[in-house]
């Protein structure tokens, strides 16, 4: 599942994930849409934009974690945010911020 409000990014992400990656992708244009679709689609992974109008990525993350069908689903944040305090906020939610070698060791 990919949650992204920008149509151009939706198109590129869906094409890359389906054509190149071979994944079945359910696109959602908002956090609210993701909450509606996740219990039915049962994603193996959620790609989540942080900056969205209305329900932003952080609020969506918190709400998804309350869904029994998606409470343990891995979530990857997609963001252009790179300020230390912004990254820290994502880490506080449980985002993994390690380098590739750290990822491999887990």
N, C-alpha and C. Protein backbone atom coordinates (compact mmCIF):
# COMPACT_ATOMS: atom_id res chain seq x y z
N UNK A 1 0.84 -1.16 0.00
CA UNK A 1 0.00 0.00 0.00
C UNK A 1 0.89 1.23 0.00
N UNK A 2 0.51 2.21 -0.81
CA UNK A 2 1.26 3.47 -0.87
C UNK A 2 0.28 4.60 -0.59
N UNK A 3 0.60 5.42 0.40
CA UNK A 3 -0.25 6.53 0.80
C UNK A 3 0.48 7.82 0.43
N UNK A 4 -0.03 8.50 -0.59
CA UNK A 4 0.63 9.67 -1.16
C UNK A 4 -0.43 10.57 -1.77
N UNK A 5 -0.40 11.86 -1.44
CA UNK A 5 -1.42 12.77 -1.94
C UNK A 5 -1.10 13.36 -3.31
N UNK A 6 0.14 13.34 -3.75
CA UNK A 6 0.52 13.92 -5.04
C UNK A 6 0.32 12.91 -6.17
N UNK A 7 -0.51 13.28 -7.16
CA UNK A 7 -0.85 12.37 -8.26
C UNK A 7 0.39 11.92 -9.05
N UNK A 8 1.31 12.83 -9.31
CA UNK A 8 2.51 12.46 -10.08
C UNK A 8 3.35 11.42 -9.34
N UNK A 9 3.50 11.60 -8.04
CA UNK A 9 4.28 10.65 -7.25
C UNK A 9 3.54 9.32 -7.17
N UNK A 10 2.22 9.35 -7.07
CA UNK A 10 1.43 8.12 -7.09
C UNK A 10 1.69 7.33 -8.37
N UNK A 11 1.68 8.03 -9.50
CA UNK A 11 1.87 7.37 -10.79
C UNK A 11 3.24 6.71 -10.88
N UNK A 12 4.27 7.44 -10.51
CA UNK A 12 5.64 6.92 -10.58
C UNK A 12 5.83 5.76 -9.60
N UNK A 13 5.34 5.92 -8.37
CA UNK A 13 5.50 4.86 -7.36
C UNK A 13 4.77 3.59 -7.79
N UNK A 14 3.54 3.72 -8.25
CA UNK A 14 2.76 2.56 -8.66
C UNK A 14 3.43 1.85 -9.84
N UNK A 15 3.88 2.62 -10.81
CA UNK A 15 4.54 2.04 -11.98
C UNK A 15 5.82 1.30 -11.57
N UNK A 16 6.62 1.94 -10.76
CA UNK A 16 7.89 1.32 -10.34
C UNK A 16 7.65 0.08 -9.49
N UNK A 17 6.75 0.17 -8.54
CA UNK A 17 6.51 -0.96 -7.64
C UNK A 17 5.87 -2.14 -8.36
N UNK A 18 4.94 -1.87 -9.27
CA UNK A 18 4.27 -2.96 -9.98
C UNK A 18 5.10 -3.49 -11.14
N UNK A 19 5.61 -2.59 -11.98
CA UNK A 19 6.32 -3.01 -13.18
C UNK A 19 7.71 -3.54 -12.87
N UNK A 20 8.46 -2.81 -12.11
CA UNK A 20 9.83 -3.19 -11.79
C UNK A 20 9.87 -4.18 -10.63
N UNK A 21 9.09 -3.90 -9.58
CA UNK A 21 9.14 -4.73 -8.38
C UNK A 21 8.23 -5.94 -8.39
N UNK A 22 7.20 -5.93 -9.25
CA UNK A 22 6.27 -7.04 -9.30
C UNK A 22 5.28 -7.09 -8.15
N UNK A 23 5.06 -5.96 -7.49
CA UNK A 23 4.14 -5.90 -6.35
C UNK A 23 2.73 -5.56 -6.78
N UNK A 24 1.74 -5.99 -6.01
CA UNK A 24 0.36 -5.52 -6.15
C UNK A 24 0.26 -4.30 -5.25
N UNK A 25 -0.09 -3.16 -5.82
CA UNK A 25 -0.08 -1.91 -5.06
C UNK A 25 -1.48 -1.33 -4.97
N UNK A 26 -1.88 -1.01 -3.76
CA UNK A 26 -3.12 -0.28 -3.52
C UNK A 26 -2.73 1.16 -3.21
N UNK A 27 -3.10 2.09 -4.08
CA UNK A 27 -2.77 3.50 -3.87
C UNK A 27 -3.87 4.17 -3.05
N UNK A 28 -3.44 5.04 -2.15
CA UNK A 28 -4.36 5.83 -1.34
C UNK A 28 -3.91 7.28 -1.42
N UNK A 29 -4.84 8.18 -1.62
CA UNK A 29 -4.51 9.60 -1.74
C UNK A 29 -4.57 10.36 -0.44
N UNK A 30 -4.92 9.67 0.64
CA UNK A 30 -5.01 10.35 1.94
C UNK A 30 -4.90 9.32 3.07
N UNK A 31 -4.68 9.82 4.25
CA UNK A 31 -4.64 8.95 5.42
C UNK A 31 -5.99 8.31 5.67
N UNK A 32 -7.04 9.09 5.48
CA UNK A 32 -8.39 8.56 5.69
C UNK A 32 -8.68 7.39 4.74
N UNK A 33 -8.25 7.53 3.49
CA UNK A 33 -8.45 6.47 2.52
C UNK A 33 -7.65 5.22 2.91
N UNK A 34 -6.45 5.42 3.40
CA UNK A 34 -5.62 4.28 3.83
C UNK A 34 -6.29 3.53 4.98
N UNK A 35 -6.88 4.26 5.92
CA UNK A 35 -7.55 3.62 7.05
C UNK A 35 -8.76 2.81 6.60
N UNK A 36 -9.41 3.28 5.56
CA UNK A 36 -10.57 2.57 5.02
C UNK A 36 -10.14 1.31 4.26
N UNK A 37 -9.04 1.41 3.49
CA UNK A 37 -8.63 0.31 2.62
C UNK A 37 -7.74 -0.74 3.30
N UNK A 38 -6.96 -0.35 4.27
CA UNK A 38 -5.99 -1.27 4.88
C UNK A 38 -6.62 -2.55 5.43
N UNK A 39 -7.75 -2.47 6.15
CA UNK A 39 -8.32 -3.71 6.69
C UNK A 39 -8.81 -4.68 5.61
N UNK A 40 -9.11 -4.16 4.42
CA UNK A 40 -9.58 -5.00 3.32
C UNK A 40 -8.42 -5.50 2.46
N UNK A 41 -7.45 -4.63 2.21
CA UNK A 41 -6.32 -4.97 1.33
C UNK A 41 -5.27 -5.81 2.06
N UNK A 42 -5.14 -5.62 3.37
CA UNK A 42 -4.16 -6.32 4.20
C UNK A 42 -2.75 -6.22 3.62
N UNK A 43 -2.20 -5.01 3.58
CA UNK A 43 -0.88 -4.83 2.97
C UNK A 43 0.23 -5.51 3.75
N UNK A 44 1.25 -5.95 3.02
CA UNK A 44 2.46 -6.50 3.63
C UNK A 44 3.39 -5.38 4.08
N UNK A 45 3.22 -4.19 3.46
CA UNK A 45 4.07 -3.04 3.72
C UNK A 45 3.27 -1.79 3.37
N UNK A 46 3.48 -0.73 4.13
CA UNK A 46 2.84 0.56 3.83
C UNK A 46 3.92 1.60 3.61
N UNK A 47 3.90 2.22 2.43
CA UNK A 47 4.75 3.37 2.14
C UNK A 47 3.90 4.60 2.46
N UNK A 48 4.37 5.44 3.36
CA UNK A 48 3.54 6.52 3.91
C UNK A 48 4.22 7.88 3.78
N UNK A 49 3.58 8.76 3.02
CA UNK A 49 4.04 10.14 2.90
C UNK A 49 3.85 10.84 4.24
N UNK A 50 4.81 11.62 4.65
CA UNK A 50 4.71 12.33 5.92
C UNK A 50 3.89 13.61 5.77
N UNK A 51 4.13 14.34 4.68
CA UNK A 51 3.47 15.65 4.50
C UNK A 51 2.27 15.51 3.56
N UNK A 52 1.08 15.43 4.17
CA UNK A 52 -0.17 15.37 3.42
C UNK A 52 -1.15 16.33 4.06
N UNK A 53 -2.04 16.93 3.25
CA UNK A 53 -3.06 17.80 3.84
C UNK A 53 -4.07 16.97 4.64
N UNK A 54 -4.73 17.61 5.56
CA UNK A 54 -5.71 16.89 6.39
C UNK A 54 -4.99 15.99 7.38
N UNK A 55 -5.20 14.71 7.26
CA UNK A 55 -4.53 13.74 8.13
C UNK A 55 -3.12 13.50 7.60
N UNK A 56 -2.12 14.04 8.30
CA UNK A 56 -0.75 13.89 7.82
C UNK A 56 -0.22 12.48 8.10
N UNK A 57 1.01 12.23 7.70
CA UNK A 57 1.58 10.90 7.86
C UNK A 57 1.71 10.45 9.30
N UNK A 58 2.02 11.37 10.20
CA UNK A 58 2.17 11.01 11.61
C UNK A 58 0.82 10.58 12.20
N UNK A 59 -0.24 11.33 11.89
CA UNK A 59 -1.57 10.96 12.38
C UNK A 59 -2.03 9.65 11.74
N UNK A 60 -1.71 9.47 10.47
CA UNK A 60 -2.07 8.23 9.78
C UNK A 60 -1.34 7.05 10.41
N UNK A 61 -0.06 7.22 10.68
CA UNK A 61 0.74 6.17 11.33
C UNK A 61 0.08 5.74 12.64
N UNK A 62 -0.25 6.72 13.47
CA UNK A 62 -0.85 6.42 14.78
C UNK A 62 -2.19 5.67 14.61
N UNK A 63 -3.00 6.10 13.64
CA UNK A 63 -4.29 5.47 13.42
C UNK A 63 -4.15 4.06 12.85
N UNK A 64 -3.20 3.85 11.95
CA UNK A 64 -2.96 2.52 11.38
C UNK A 64 -2.54 1.55 12.48
N UNK A 65 -1.74 2.01 13.39
CA UNK A 65 -1.27 1.15 14.48
C UNK A 65 -2.41 0.68 15.39
N UNK A 66 -3.55 1.34 15.33
CA UNK A 66 -4.72 0.95 16.12
C UNK A 66 -5.61 -0.05 15.39
N UNK A 67 -5.34 -0.29 14.09
CA UNK A 67 -6.12 -1.26 13.33
C UNK A 67 -5.58 -2.66 13.59
N UNK A 68 -6.40 -3.58 14.08
CA UNK A 68 -5.90 -4.94 14.34
C UNK A 68 -5.27 -5.59 13.11
N UNK A 69 -5.80 -5.29 11.93
CA UNK A 69 -5.30 -5.90 10.70
C UNK A 69 -3.96 -5.32 10.24
N UNK A 70 -3.57 -4.18 10.80
CA UNK A 70 -2.35 -3.53 10.32
C UNK A 70 -1.43 -3.06 11.45
N UNK A 71 -1.72 -3.47 12.68
CA UNK A 71 -0.94 -2.97 13.81
C UNK A 71 0.54 -3.37 13.76
N UNK A 72 0.86 -4.45 13.08
CA UNK A 72 2.26 -4.90 12.99
C UNK A 72 2.82 -4.77 11.58
N UNK A 73 2.06 -4.19 10.67
CA UNK A 73 2.52 -4.03 9.29
C UNK A 73 3.69 -3.04 9.25
N UNK A 74 4.80 -3.41 8.61
CA UNK A 74 5.91 -2.46 8.49
C UNK A 74 5.46 -1.21 7.73
N UNK A 75 5.90 -0.06 8.21
CA UNK A 75 5.57 1.22 7.57
C UNK A 75 6.87 1.94 7.26
N UNK A 76 6.99 2.36 6.00
CA UNK A 76 8.16 3.11 5.54
C UNK A 76 7.70 4.54 5.29
N UNK A 77 8.30 5.48 6.00
CA UNK A 77 7.97 6.89 5.78
C UNK A 77 8.68 7.39 4.53
N UNK A 78 7.94 8.13 3.71
CA UNK A 78 8.52 8.81 2.55
C UNK A 78 8.44 10.31 2.87
N UNK A 79 9.58 10.95 2.88
CA UNK A 79 9.58 12.35 3.26
C UNK A 79 10.79 13.09 2.71
N UNK A 80 10.58 14.36 2.48
CA UNK A 80 11.68 15.25 2.12
C UNK A 80 12.22 15.95 3.36
N UNK A 81 11.60 15.68 4.50
CA UNK A 81 12.03 16.31 5.75
C UNK A 81 13.40 15.77 6.15
N UNK A 82 14.28 16.69 6.49
CA UNK A 82 15.61 16.24 6.87
C UNK A 82 16.18 17.01 8.06
N UNK A 83 15.38 17.89 8.64
CA UNK A 83 15.84 18.60 9.82
C UNK A 83 15.92 17.62 10.98
N UNK A 84 16.90 17.80 11.84
CA UNK A 84 17.13 16.87 12.95
C UNK A 84 15.88 16.66 13.80
N UNK A 85 15.17 17.74 14.12
CA UNK A 85 13.99 17.60 14.97
C UNK A 85 12.86 16.86 14.25
N UNK A 86 12.77 16.99 12.93
CA UNK A 86 11.75 16.27 12.17
C UNK A 86 12.07 14.77 12.12
N UNK A 87 13.32 14.45 11.90
CA UNK A 87 13.75 13.05 11.89
C UNK A 87 13.56 12.45 13.28
N UNK A 88 13.89 13.20 14.30
CA UNK A 88 13.74 12.72 15.69
C UNK A 88 12.29 12.39 16.00
N UNK A 89 11.36 13.18 15.49
CA UNK A 89 9.94 12.92 15.71
C UNK A 89 9.54 11.57 15.10
N UNK A 90 10.05 11.26 13.92
CA UNK A 90 9.75 9.97 13.28
C UNK A 90 10.39 8.83 14.05
N UNK A 91 11.61 9.03 14.52
CA UNK A 91 12.29 8.00 15.31
C UNK A 91 11.54 7.73 16.61
N UNK A 92 10.99 8.79 17.21
CA UNK A 92 10.23 8.63 18.45
C UNK A 92 8.98 7.78 18.25
N UNK A 93 8.45 7.79 17.02
CA UNK A 93 7.27 6.97 16.71
C UNK A 93 7.65 5.51 16.50
N UNK A 94 8.95 5.25 16.34
CA UNK A 94 9.39 3.88 16.12
C UNK A 94 10.02 3.65 14.76
N UNK A 95 10.22 4.72 14.00
CA UNK A 95 10.87 4.58 12.70
C UNK A 95 12.31 4.13 12.91
N UNK A 96 12.80 3.33 11.97
CA UNK A 96 14.18 2.88 12.03
C UNK A 96 15.03 3.87 11.26
N UNK A 97 16.09 4.34 11.85
CA UNK A 97 16.92 5.35 11.20
C UNK A 97 18.35 4.91 10.98
N UNK A 98 18.59 3.62 10.99
CA UNK A 98 19.95 3.12 10.86
C UNK A 98 20.46 3.10 9.44
N UNK A 99 21.73 2.81 9.32
CA UNK A 99 22.32 2.70 7.99
C UNK A 99 22.12 1.27 7.46
N UNK A 100 22.53 1.04 6.24
CA UNK A 100 22.31 -0.25 5.59
C UNK A 100 22.98 -1.40 6.33
N UNK A 101 24.18 -1.19 6.87
CA UNK A 101 24.84 -2.25 7.62
C UNK A 101 24.07 -2.63 8.88
N UNK A 102 23.48 -1.63 9.53
CA UNK A 102 22.67 -1.91 10.71
C UNK A 102 21.42 -2.69 10.33
N UNK A 103 20.80 -2.33 9.21
CA UNK A 103 19.61 -3.04 8.73
C UNK A 103 19.95 -4.49 8.47
N UNK A 104 21.08 -4.75 7.84
CA UNK A 104 21.48 -6.12 7.51
C UNK A 104 21.71 -6.96 8.77
N UNK A 105 22.16 -6.34 9.84
CA UNK A 105 22.45 -7.08 11.05
C UNK A 105 21.20 -7.44 11.83
N UNK A 106 20.06 -6.83 11.50
CA UNK A 106 18.80 -7.14 12.18
C UNK A 106 18.14 -8.23 11.44
